[in-house]
Amino acid sequence: MLGQVQQEFGEQGVKVIAVNIAPQVSTLEEFRDYLQEYGAGDLTWAQDSEDNQVARTFNIQGLGSTIVIDRSGRIVYEDAGPTPYPVLRTAVMDALG
């Protein structure tokens, strides 16, 4: 699904970044393998710091959270679990204006 967003909207400047917010649970390599298993291996992926700076900055409460940030850096959509593709697609379209 995330790869689908990247593919559909990439030419419009959309960048999907998958962040492992639980580095104490899985290594970066395990996270990469997980993404590849679900067809999202071509995304930019990163690992949060051990003090969970990304999770704290965006107030992420659980794994699978989705955040859409518009071009001005404003959060325009967020949820605490997996987002159905039609909902995510609409949020990205809204962010693009």
Protein backbone atom coordinates (compact mmCIF):
# COMPACT_ATOMS: atom_id res chain seq x y z
CA MET A 1 0.00 0.00 0.00
CA LEU A 2 2.75 2.51 0.89
CA GLY A 3 4.63 1.54 -2.23
CA GLN A 4 1.45 2.14 -4.19
CA VAL A 5 1.21 5.70 -2.77
CA GLN A 6 4.86 6.35 -3.67
CA GLN A 7 4.31 5.03 -7.17
CA GLU A 8 1.07 6.95 -7.79
CA PHE A 9 2.12 10.31 -6.36
CA GLY A 10 5.92 10.28 -6.55
CA GLU A 11 6.06 12.51 -9.62
CA GLN A 12 4.09 15.13 -7.68
CA GLY A 13 6.75 15.27 -4.98
CA VAL A 14 5.25 12.78 -2.53
CA LYS A 15 7.86 10.89 -0.52
CA VAL A 16 6.89 7.92 1.63
CA ILE A 17 9.22 7.23 4.53
CA ALA A 18 8.74 4.13 6.66
CA VAL A 19 10.19 4.55 10.13
CA ASN A 20 10.83 1.70 12.55
CA ILE A 21 9.88 3.26 15.89
CA ALA A 22 10.78 0.14 17.85
CA PRO A 23 14.53 -0.30 17.36
CA GLN A 24 14.67 -2.26 20.60
CA VAL A 25 12.32 -4.86 19.05
CA SER A 26 13.71 -5.26 15.54
CA THR A 27 16.92 -4.36 13.79
CA LEU A 28 17.06 -2.14 10.73
CA GLU A 29 17.73 -5.22 8.61
CA GLU A 30 14.66 -7.01 9.99
CA PHE A 31 12.56 -3.89 9.32
CA ARG A 32 13.88 -3.71 5.74
CA ASP A 33 13.08 -7.40 5.22
CA TYR A 34 9.57 -6.85 6.62
CA LEU A 35 8.95 -3.99 4.18
CA GLN A 36 10.25 -6.03 1.25
CA GLU A 37 7.98 -8.93 2.22
CA TYR A 38 4.96 -6.65 1.88
CA GLY A 39 6.02 -5.06 -1.39
CA ALA A 40 7.34 -1.83 0.07
CA GLY A 41 11.04 -2.49 -0.23
CA ASP A 42 11.54 0.43 -2.62
CA LEU A 43 10.55 2.99 0.02
CA THR A 44 12.91 5.13 2.00
CA TRP A 45 13.19 3.46 5.38
CA ALA A 46 14.76 4.60 8.59
CA GLN A 47 15.10 3.64 12.21
CA ASP A 48 14.07 5.90 15.08
CA SER A 49 16.68 6.71 17.68
CA GLU A 50 16.82 4.62 20.83
CA ASP A 51 15.18 7.50 22.72
CA ASN A 52 12.30 7.41 20.18
CA GLN A 53 12.69 10.99 19.01
CA VAL A 54 10.49 10.53 15.92
CA ALA A 55 7.74 8.77 17.88
CA ARG A 56 7.81 11.49 20.54
CA THR A 57 7.88 14.35 18.01
CA PHE A 58 4.80 13.06 16.22
CA ASN A 59 3.13 11.58 19.32
CA ILE A 60 3.01 8.11 17.77
CA GLN A 61 1.32 5.70 20.13
CA GLY A 62 1.67 2.43 18.24
CA LEU A 63 3.16 0.53 15.36
CA GLY A 64 1.43 0.92 12.02
CA SER A 65 0.65 4.60 12.59
CA THR A 66 0.22 6.78 9.50
CA ILE A 67 1.03 10.49 9.24
CA VAL A 68 0.59 12.65 6.14
CA ILE A 69 2.46 15.96 6.15
CA ASP A 70 1.74 18.63 3.54
CA ARG A 71 4.32 20.75 1.72
CA SER A 72 4.31 23.38 4.45
CA GLY A 73 5.15 20.78 7.12
CA ARG A 74 1.65 20.66 8.63
CA ILE A 75 0.19 17.30 9.66
CA VAL A 76 -2.98 16.90 7.61
CA TYR A 77 -3.82 13.30 8.48
CA GLU A 78 -2.87 10.84 11.18
CA ASP A 79 -4.14 7.63 12.66
CA ALA A 80 -2.88 5.04 15.09
CA GLY A 81 -3.18 1.98 12.92
CA PRO A 82 -3.08 0.67 9.38
CA THR A 83 -4.88 3.00 6.98
CA PRO A 84 -7.06 1.63 4.18
CA TYR A 85 -5.67 2.66 0.80
CA PRO A 86 -8.70 4.75 -0.27
CA VAL A 87 -8.43 6.79 2.95
CA LEU A 88 -4.66 7.24 2.56
CA ARG A 89 -5.04 8.19 -1.10
CA THR A 90 -7.61 10.86 -0.24
CA ALA A 91 -5.38 12.25 2.52
CA VAL A 92 -2.44 12.50 0.12
CA MET A 93 -4.59 14.16 -2.54
CA ASP A 94 -5.83 16.67 0.05
CA ALA A 95 -2.24 17.37 1.12
CA LEU A 96 -1.27 18.07 -2.46
CA GLY A 97 -4.11 20.61 -2.70
